[in-house]
Amino acid sequence: MGMVNRRITYRLYPNQEQQVKLLEMRRLHQQLYNAALEERIQAYRKCSRSLSFAQQCKSLTQLRAELPEYEALNAQSSQVTLKRVDDAYAGFFRRIKDPTCKNAGFPRFKSIRR
């Protein structure tokens, strides 16, 4: 018998201080996503090879050591952000190989609102 996944949504009612912290975390994740995407683009331009998720996780460790503001983020949530970049690339290359797909759509940089 298979497992059933159930999604539960909780509504948050943060106070002003918590809202500021949540917005800061959102900004840091957005910057991390865009930096990871830029890192992959630059690596491909220089070496004609893409970076892997593991390589970007290794550079995340260096980033957290250099920039103390990223230490405020949970390491696992930062890795999930990098995994989203990896999944976006995987989906892009999967759509390129699919002959029925007309618009593959390269992964985009994210604004703070997205």
N, C-alpha and C. Protein backbone atom coordinates (compact mmCIF):
# COMPACT_ATOMS: atom_id res chain seq x y z
N MET A 1 0.84 -1.17 0.00
CA MET A 1 0.00 0.00 0.00
C MET A 1 0.89 1.24 0.00
N GLY A 2 0.56 2.23 -0.85
CA GLY A 2 1.37 3.43 -0.99
C GLY A 2 1.12 4.45 0.11
N MET A 3 2.06 5.34 0.24
CA MET A 3 1.92 6.40 1.23
C MET A 3 1.08 7.53 0.66
N VAL A 4 0.36 8.20 1.51
CA VAL A 4 -0.45 9.34 1.11
C VAL A 4 0.18 10.59 1.71
N ASN A 5 0.44 11.57 0.86
CA ASN A 5 0.97 12.84 1.33
C ASN A 5 -0.20 13.81 1.49
N ARG A 6 -0.21 14.51 2.58
CA ARG A 6 -1.26 15.49 2.83
C ARG A 6 -0.59 16.84 3.12
N ARG A 7 -1.11 17.87 2.50
CA ARG A 7 -0.57 19.20 2.70
C ARG A 7 -1.46 19.95 3.69
N ILE A 8 -0.83 20.55 4.67
CA ILE A 8 -1.54 21.34 5.66
C ILE A 8 -1.01 22.77 5.57
N THR A 9 -1.91 23.72 5.47
CA THR A 9 -1.53 25.12 5.37
C THR A 9 -1.93 25.85 6.65
N TYR A 10 -0.97 26.56 7.22
CA TYR A 10 -1.23 27.35 8.41
C TYR A 10 -1.13 28.83 8.05
N ARG A 11 -2.04 29.60 8.52
CA ARG A 11 -2.01 31.04 8.30
C ARG A 11 -1.14 31.67 9.38
N LEU A 12 -0.21 32.51 8.95
CA LEU A 12 0.67 33.20 9.90
C LEU A 12 0.13 34.59 10.19
N TYR A 13 0.26 34.99 11.42
CA TYR A 13 -0.08 36.34 11.83
C TYR A 13 1.14 36.93 12.55
N PRO A 14 2.19 37.27 11.79
CA PRO A 14 3.41 37.75 12.43
C PRO A 14 3.24 39.19 12.94
N ASN A 15 3.96 39.48 14.01
CA ASN A 15 3.99 40.87 14.48
C ASN A 15 4.98 41.65 13.62
N GLN A 16 5.17 42.92 13.89
CA GLN A 16 6.00 43.78 13.05
C GLN A 16 7.45 43.29 12.99
N GLU A 17 8.00 42.90 14.11
CA GLU A 17 9.38 42.42 14.16
C GLU A 17 9.54 41.13 13.35
N GLN A 18 8.60 40.22 13.46
CA GLN A 18 8.64 38.97 12.71
C GLN A 18 8.48 39.23 11.21
N GLN A 19 7.65 40.21 10.84
CA GLN A 19 7.49 40.55 9.43
C GLN A 19 8.80 41.04 8.83
N VAL A 20 9.51 41.85 9.58
CA VAL A 20 10.80 42.36 9.12
C VAL A 20 11.78 41.21 8.90
N LYS A 21 11.82 40.27 9.83
CA LYS A 21 12.73 39.13 9.71
C LYS A 21 12.34 38.23 8.53
N LEU A 22 11.04 38.01 8.35
CA LEU A 22 10.59 37.18 7.22
C LEU A 22 10.92 37.83 5.88
N LEU A 23 10.73 39.14 5.78
CA LEU A 23 11.08 39.84 4.54
C LEU A 23 12.58 39.79 4.27
N GLU A 24 13.38 39.89 5.33
CA GLU A 24 14.83 39.80 5.17
C GLU A 24 15.24 38.41 4.69
N MET A 25 14.62 37.38 5.26
CA MET A 25 14.91 36.01 4.82
C MET A 25 14.50 35.82 3.36
N ARG A 26 13.37 36.37 2.99
CA ARG A 26 12.91 36.27 1.61
C ARG A 26 13.89 36.95 0.65
N ARG A 27 14.39 38.14 1.06
CA ARG A 27 15.36 38.86 0.24
C ARG A 27 16.65 38.06 0.08
N LEU A 28 17.12 37.47 1.17
CA LEU A 28 18.35 36.68 1.11
C LEU A 28 18.19 35.45 0.22
N HIS A 29 17.04 34.79 0.31
CA HIS A 29 16.80 33.63 -0.56
C HIS A 29 16.72 34.04 -2.02
N GLN A 30 16.10 35.18 -2.29
CA GLN A 30 16.02 35.67 -3.67
C GLN A 30 17.42 35.98 -4.20
N GLN A 31 18.25 36.62 -3.39
CA GLN A 31 19.62 36.92 -3.81
C GLN A 31 20.43 35.65 -4.01
N LEU A 32 20.22 34.67 -3.14
CA LEU A 32 20.92 33.39 -3.27
C LEU A 32 20.52 32.68 -4.56
N TYR A 33 19.22 32.67 -4.87
CA TYR A 33 18.73 32.04 -6.10
C TYR A 33 19.37 32.71 -7.32
N ASN A 34 19.34 34.05 -7.35
CA ASN A 34 19.90 34.78 -8.49
C ASN A 34 21.41 34.59 -8.59
N ALA A 35 22.10 34.54 -7.46
CA ALA A 35 23.55 34.33 -7.47
C ALA A 35 23.89 32.92 -7.97
N ALA A 36 23.10 31.94 -7.56
CA ALA A 36 23.34 30.56 -8.02
C ALA A 36 23.09 30.44 -9.52
N LEU A 37 22.04 31.10 -10.00
CA LEU A 37 21.75 31.08 -11.43
C LEU A 37 22.88 31.77 -12.21
N GLU A 38 23.33 32.92 -11.71
CA GLU A 38 24.43 33.63 -12.36
C GLU A 38 25.72 32.80 -12.34
N GLU A 39 25.97 32.10 -11.24
CA GLU A 39 27.16 31.26 -11.13
C GLU A 39 27.13 30.15 -12.18
N ARG A 40 25.97 29.55 -12.40
CA ARG A 40 25.84 28.50 -13.42
C ARG A 40 26.05 29.07 -14.82
N ILE A 41 25.50 30.24 -15.08
CA ILE A 41 25.64 30.86 -16.40
C ILE A 41 27.11 31.18 -16.66
N GLN A 42 27.79 31.78 -15.68
CA GLN A 42 29.21 32.13 -15.85
C GLN A 42 30.08 30.90 -16.00
N ALA A 43 29.80 29.84 -15.26
CA ALA A 43 30.59 28.61 -15.38
C ALA A 43 30.44 28.02 -16.78
N TYR A 44 29.23 28.08 -17.33
CA TYR A 44 29.03 27.54 -18.68
C TYR A 44 29.74 28.40 -19.71
N ARG A 45 29.73 29.71 -19.54
CA ARG A 45 30.40 30.60 -20.49
C ARG A 45 31.91 30.40 -20.46
N LYS A 46 32.47 30.19 -19.27
CA LYS A 46 33.92 30.04 -19.14
C LYS A 46 34.41 28.65 -19.55
N CYS A 47 33.73 27.61 -19.08
CA CYS A 47 34.23 26.24 -19.24
C CYS A 47 33.35 25.36 -20.12
N SER A 48 32.24 25.88 -20.58
CA SER A 48 31.26 25.10 -21.36
C SER A 48 30.76 23.88 -20.58
N ARG A 49 30.71 24.03 -19.26
CA ARG A 49 30.17 22.97 -18.39
C ARG A 49 29.32 23.62 -17.32
N SER A 50 28.26 22.95 -16.96
CA SER A 50 27.37 23.47 -15.93
C SER A 50 27.82 22.96 -14.56
N LEU A 51 27.47 23.71 -13.54
CA LEU A 51 27.77 23.29 -12.17
C LEU A 51 26.70 22.33 -11.68
N SER A 52 27.08 21.46 -10.78
CA SER A 52 26.11 20.53 -10.19
C SER A 52 25.57 21.12 -8.88
N PHE A 53 24.53 20.50 -8.38
CA PHE A 53 23.95 20.90 -7.10
C PHE A 53 24.99 20.77 -5.99
N ALA A 54 25.77 19.70 -6.00
CA ALA A 54 26.78 19.48 -4.96
C ALA A 54 27.86 20.55 -5.00
N GLN A 55 28.27 20.95 -6.20
CA GLN A 55 29.28 22.00 -6.32
C GLN A 55 28.76 23.33 -5.78
N GLN A 56 27.49 23.59 -6.05
CA GLN A 56 26.93 24.85 -5.55
C GLN A 56 26.73 24.80 -4.04
N CYS A 57 26.44 23.64 -3.49
CA CYS A 57 26.34 23.52 -2.03
C CYS A 57 27.69 23.77 -1.38
N LYS A 58 28.75 23.34 -2.04
CA LYS A 58 30.09 23.58 -1.52
C LYS A 58 30.41 25.07 -1.54
N SER A 59 30.02 25.76 -2.61
CA SER A 59 30.26 27.20 -2.66
C SER A 59 29.34 27.95 -1.69
N LEU A 60 28.20 27.36 -1.35
CA LEU A 60 27.31 27.96 -0.34
C LEU A 60 28.01 28.00 1.02
N THR A 61 28.75 26.97 1.34
CA THR A 61 29.49 26.93 2.60
C THR A 61 30.50 28.08 2.66
N GLN A 62 31.18 28.32 1.54
CA GLN A 62 32.14 29.43 1.48
C GLN A 62 31.43 30.77 1.58
N LEU A 63 30.28 30.88 0.92
CA LEU A 63 29.51 32.12 0.97
C LEU A 63 29.07 32.44 2.39
N ARG A 64 28.62 31.43 3.11
CA ARG A 64 28.16 31.63 4.49
C ARG A 64 29.32 32.05 5.39
N ALA A 65 30.53 31.60 5.08
CA ALA A 65 31.70 32.00 5.88
C ALA A 65 32.10 33.45 5.57
N GLU A 66 31.95 33.86 4.30
CA GLU A 66 32.36 35.20 3.90
C GLU A 66 31.34 36.28 4.25
N LEU A 67 30.06 35.96 4.12
CA LEU A 67 29.00 36.94 4.36
C LEU A 67 28.18 36.53 5.58
N PRO A 68 28.36 37.22 6.69
CA PRO A 68 27.68 36.82 7.92
C PRO A 68 26.16 36.95 7.86
N GLU A 69 25.62 37.77 6.96
CA GLU A 69 24.16 37.90 6.89
C GLU A 69 23.50 36.60 6.44
N TYR A 70 24.23 35.76 5.69
CA TYR A 70 23.66 34.49 5.24
C TYR A 70 23.69 33.42 6.34
N GLU A 71 24.40 33.68 7.41
CA GLU A 71 24.37 32.75 8.54
C GLU A 71 23.02 32.77 9.25
N ALA A 72 22.27 33.85 9.05
CA ALA A 72 20.93 33.94 9.66
C ALA A 72 19.97 32.95 9.02
N LEU A 73 20.25 32.55 7.78
CA LEU A 73 19.41 31.57 7.09
C LEU A 73 19.75 30.17 7.56
N ASN A 74 18.76 29.35 7.64
CA ASN A 74 18.94 27.94 7.95
C ASN A 74 19.71 27.29 6.78
N ALA A 75 20.67 26.44 7.06
CA ALA A 75 21.46 25.80 6.00
C ALA A 75 20.58 24.94 5.09
N GLN A 76 19.60 24.26 5.66
CA GLN A 76 18.73 23.40 4.85
C GLN A 76 17.85 24.23 3.92
N SER A 77 17.35 25.37 4.40
CA SER A 77 16.51 26.20 3.53
C SER A 77 17.34 26.80 2.40
N SER A 78 18.61 27.10 2.67
CA SER A 78 19.49 27.60 1.62
C SER A 78 19.75 26.51 0.58
N GLN A 79 19.91 25.28 1.04
CA GLN A 79 20.11 24.17 0.10
C GLN A 79 18.86 23.92 -0.73
N VAL A 80 17.69 24.12 -0.15
CA VAL A 80 16.44 23.97 -0.90
C VAL A 80 16.37 25.03 -2.00
N THR A 81 16.84 26.23 -1.72
CA THR A 81 16.88 27.28 -2.74
C THR A 81 17.80 26.87 -3.88
N LEU A 82 18.96 26.29 -3.55
CA LEU A 82 19.87 25.81 -4.59
C LEU A 82 19.26 24.65 -5.36
N LYS A 83 18.50 23.82 -4.68
CA LYS A 83 17.82 22.70 -5.35
C LYS A 83 16.78 23.21 -6.34
N ARG A 84 16.12 24.33 -6.01
CA ARG A 84 15.16 24.92 -6.94
C ARG A 84 15.85 25.37 -8.22
N VAL A 85 17.07 25.92 -8.10
CA VAL A 85 17.84 26.30 -9.30
C VAL A 85 18.19 25.05 -10.09
N ASP A 86 18.61 24.00 -9.40
CA ASP A 86 18.95 22.74 -10.06
C ASP A 86 17.74 22.15 -10.77
N ASP A 87 16.58 22.19 -10.13
CA ASP A 87 15.36 21.67 -10.74
C ASP A 87 14.94 22.52 -11.94
N ALA A 88 15.15 23.83 -11.87
CA ALA A 88 14.82 24.70 -13.00
C ALA A 88 15.70 24.36 -14.21
N TYR A 89 16.97 24.10 -13.97
CA TYR A 89 17.86 23.70 -15.05
C TYR A 89 17.47 22.34 -15.62
N ALA A 90 17.16 21.40 -14.75
CA ALA A 90 16.77 20.06 -15.20
C ALA A 90 15.50 20.14 -16.04
N GLY A 91 14.54 20.94 -15.61
CA GLY A 91 13.31 21.10 -16.38
C GLY A 91 13.57 21.76 -17.72
N PHE A 92 14.46 22.73 -17.76
CA PHE A 92 14.81 23.40 -19.02
C PHE A 92 15.40 22.41 -20.01
N PHE A 93 16.37 21.61 -19.56
CA PHE A 93 17.00 20.66 -20.47
C PHE A 93 16.05 19.53 -20.86
N ARG A 94 15.15 19.15 -19.97
CA ARG A 94 14.13 18.15 -20.31
C ARG A 94 13.20 18.69 -21.39
N ARG A 95 12.80 19.95 -21.28
CA ARG A 95 11.91 20.54 -22.28
C ARG A 95 12.61 20.74 -23.62
N ILE A 96 13.92 20.99 -23.60
CA ILE A 96 14.66 21.14 -24.86
C ILE A 96 14.64 19.82 -25.63
N LYS A 97 14.80 18.71 -24.92
CA LYS A 97 14.84 17.39 -25.57
C LYS A 97 13.47 16.94 -26.05
N ASP A 98 12.41 17.49 -25.51
CA ASP A 98 11.05 17.10 -25.88
C ASP A 98 10.68 17.76 -27.21
N PRO A 99 10.44 16.96 -28.26
CA PRO A 99 10.14 17.56 -29.57
C PRO A 99 8.79 18.26 -29.62
N THR A 100 7.88 17.95 -28.71
CA THR A 100 6.57 18.59 -28.74
C THR A 100 6.57 19.95 -28.04
N CYS A 101 7.61 20.25 -27.27
CA CYS A 101 7.69 21.51 -26.55
C CYS A 101 8.28 22.58 -27.46
N LYS A 102 7.56 23.67 -27.64
CA LYS A 102 8.02 24.73 -28.54
C LYS A 102 8.80 25.80 -27.81
N ASN A 103 8.43 26.10 -26.59
CA ASN A 103 9.12 27.13 -25.81
C ASN A 103 9.71 26.49 -24.56
N ALA A 104 11.03 26.28 -24.59
CA ALA A 104 11.67 25.61 -23.46
C ALA A 104 11.74 26.50 -22.23
N GLY A 105 12.02 27.77 -22.39
CA GLY A 105 12.03 28.70 -21.27
C GLY A 105 13.21 28.54 -20.33
N PHE A 106 14.30 29.27 -20.60
CA PHE A 106 15.48 29.25 -19.73
C PHE A 106 15.11 29.79 -18.35
N PRO A 107 15.71 29.25 -17.28
CA PRO A 107 15.38 29.74 -15.92
C PRO A 107 15.63 31.24 -15.79
N ARG A 108 14.71 31.92 -15.15
CA ARG A 108 14.78 33.37 -15.03
C ARG A 108 15.31 33.79 -13.66
N PHE A 109 15.85 35.00 -13.65
CA PHE A 109 16.20 35.62 -12.38
C PHE A 109 14.91 36.02 -11.69
N LYS A 110 14.90 35.93 -10.37
CA LYS A 110 13.68 36.20 -9.60
C LYS A 110 13.75 37.59 -8.97
N SER A 111 12.62 38.28 -9.00
CA SER A 111 12.53 39.54 -8.28
C SER A 111 12.07 39.23 -6.85
N ILE A 112 12.08 40.21 -6.01
CA ILE A 112 11.68 40.00 -4.62
C ILE A 112 10.20 39.66 -4.53
N ARG A 113 9.42 40.04 -5.53
CA ARG A 113 7.98 39.79 -5.52
C ARG A 113 7.61 38.40 -6.00
N ARG A 114 8.53 37.69 -6.66
CA ARG A 114 8.19 36.38 -7.23
C ARG A 114 8.53 35.28 -6.28
